[in-house]
Structure formats: C-alpha cells, structure tokens
Amino acid sequence: MLQLSKAVVYITGAGQGLGKATALRLASLGAKVVIADISESLVHSVVNEIGNNSALGAVVDVCNEDQVSKSISDTISKFGKI
C-alpha cells in the first residue's frame, strides 16, 4: 500500500467535493495536508475531520497573492516543507 508519511500536500478547493475527498484520502495514507478553501467553515470542518496533527487549515482566495503567500509560509512553519 502507498505510504505518504513524508509528504506535505497543499490542496485548493479542499473544503468540499473532489478536493475534500482527495485531502481525506491522502491524509489516510499518512500525508500532512493543507486544506485551502475560501470558506472558513468548510476549512474548519475538514481539518477537524482529519485532525490538527495531520492537517492545516488555510482560508484563502487563490486569486489573492498575499493570502496564498501567507498560507505557504504557514505550511512551512508547521510542517517544515511543502
């Protein structure tokens, strides 16, 4: 079985649909997952489902360069890489 214990994955649109399904699957395989979405409530819901040790929430509009840059910095601070 595929193991992703050393992977850090940044997923946009991860609050629902395919993005959420991808985040849940990768986390189940051991990856650290950044849940990036424009909806704060959806971000928190998915992070809670995965767990704070394996997930980081990023409320971000991917059209906003400053928000994306901050979320990448936060990712590196928490997980050491992206």
Protein backbone atom coordinates (compact mmCIF):
# COMPACT_ATOMS: atom_id res chain seq x y z
CA MET A 1 0.00 0.00 0.00
CA LEU A 2 1.18 3.51 -0.81
CA GLN A 3 2.52 5.41 2.19
CA LEU A 4 2.90 9.16 2.16
CA SER A 5 4.23 9.80 5.66
CA LYS A 6 6.89 12.22 4.40
CA ALA A 7 4.61 14.12 2.02
CA VAL A 8 3.09 17.54 2.58
CA VAL A 9 0.25 18.27 0.17
CA TYR A 10 -1.40 21.66 -0.44
CA ILE A 11 -4.91 21.20 -1.83
CA THR A 12 -7.01 24.09 -3.07
CA GLY A 13 -10.76 23.69 -3.04
CA ALA A 14 -10.33 21.16 -0.24
CA GLY A 15 -13.43 22.22 1.65
CA GLN A 16 -15.79 20.07 -0.39
CA GLY A 17 -16.19 17.74 -3.35
CA LEU A 18 -13.13 16.28 -5.06
CA GLY A 19 -10.73 18.48 -3.12
CA LYS A 20 -12.09 17.23 0.20
CA ALA A 21 -12.12 13.62 -0.99
CA THR A 22 -8.50 13.96 -2.12
CA ALA A 23 -7.47 15.51 1.20
CA LEU A 24 -9.15 12.77 3.22
CA ARG A 25 -7.59 10.01 1.10
CA LEU A 26 -4.07 11.47 1.20
CA ALA A 27 -4.32 12.03 4.95
CA SER A 28 -5.43 8.41 5.39
CA LEU A 29 -2.23 7.39 3.60
CA GLY A 30 -0.12 9.42 6.04
CA ALA A 31 0.36 12.72 4.23
CA LYS A 32 0.25 16.05 6.00
CA VAL A 33 -2.48 18.02 4.24
CA VAL A 34 -3.15 21.73 3.86
CA ILE A 35 -6.87 22.35 3.49
CA ALA A 36 -7.09 25.52 1.40
CA ASP A 37 -10.52 26.93 0.61
CA ILE A 38 -12.31 30.25 0.53
CA SER A 39 -14.92 29.05 3.05
CA GLU A 40 -13.76 29.24 6.65
CA SER A 41 -16.47 26.89 7.92
CA LEU A 42 -15.61 24.23 5.33
CA VAL A 43 -11.89 24.52 6.10
CA HIS A 44 -12.50 24.01 9.82
CA SER A 45 -14.82 21.09 9.19
CA VAL A 46 -12.29 19.18 7.07
CA VAL A 47 -9.38 19.96 9.41
CA ASN A 48 -11.45 18.66 12.34
CA GLU A 49 -12.27 15.51 10.38
CA ILE A 50 -8.59 14.83 9.62
CA GLY A 51 -7.12 16.09 12.89
CA ASN A 52 -4.84 19.00 13.74
CA ASN A 53 -1.66 16.91 13.75
CA SER A 54 -2.07 15.96 10.10
CA ALA A 55 -3.92 18.96 8.70
CA LEU A 56 -3.54 22.71 8.49
CA GLY A 57 -6.41 24.96 7.52
CA ALA A 58 -5.87 27.87 5.17
CA VAL A 59 -8.77 30.19 4.46
CA VAL A 60 -7.55 31.60 1.17
CA ASP A 61 -8.79 33.09 -2.06
CA VAL A 62 -6.31 31.70 -4.59
CA CYS A 63 -6.71 34.89 -6.65
CA ASN A 64 -5.16 36.84 -3.76
CA GLU A 65 -1.38 36.52 -3.93
CA ASP A 66 -0.85 37.78 -0.36
CA GLN A 67 -3.23 35.16 1.06
CA VAL A 68 -1.54 32.39 -0.92
CA SER A 69 1.93 33.53 0.19
CA LYS A 70 0.85 33.62 3.84
CA SER A 71 -0.69 30.16 3.64
CA ILE A 72 2.52 28.77 2.11
CA SER A 73 4.57 30.38 4.90
CA ASP A 74 2.20 28.92 7.49
CA THR A 75 2.54 25.50 5.86
CA ILE A 76 6.33 25.61 6.00
CA SER A 77 6.22 26.82 9.63
CA LYS A 78 4.02 23.90 10.68
CA PHE A 79 5.31 21.05 8.53
CA GLY A 80 8.82 22.22 7.53
CA LYS A 81 8.25 21.94 3.79
CA ILE A 82 5.65 21.95 1.08
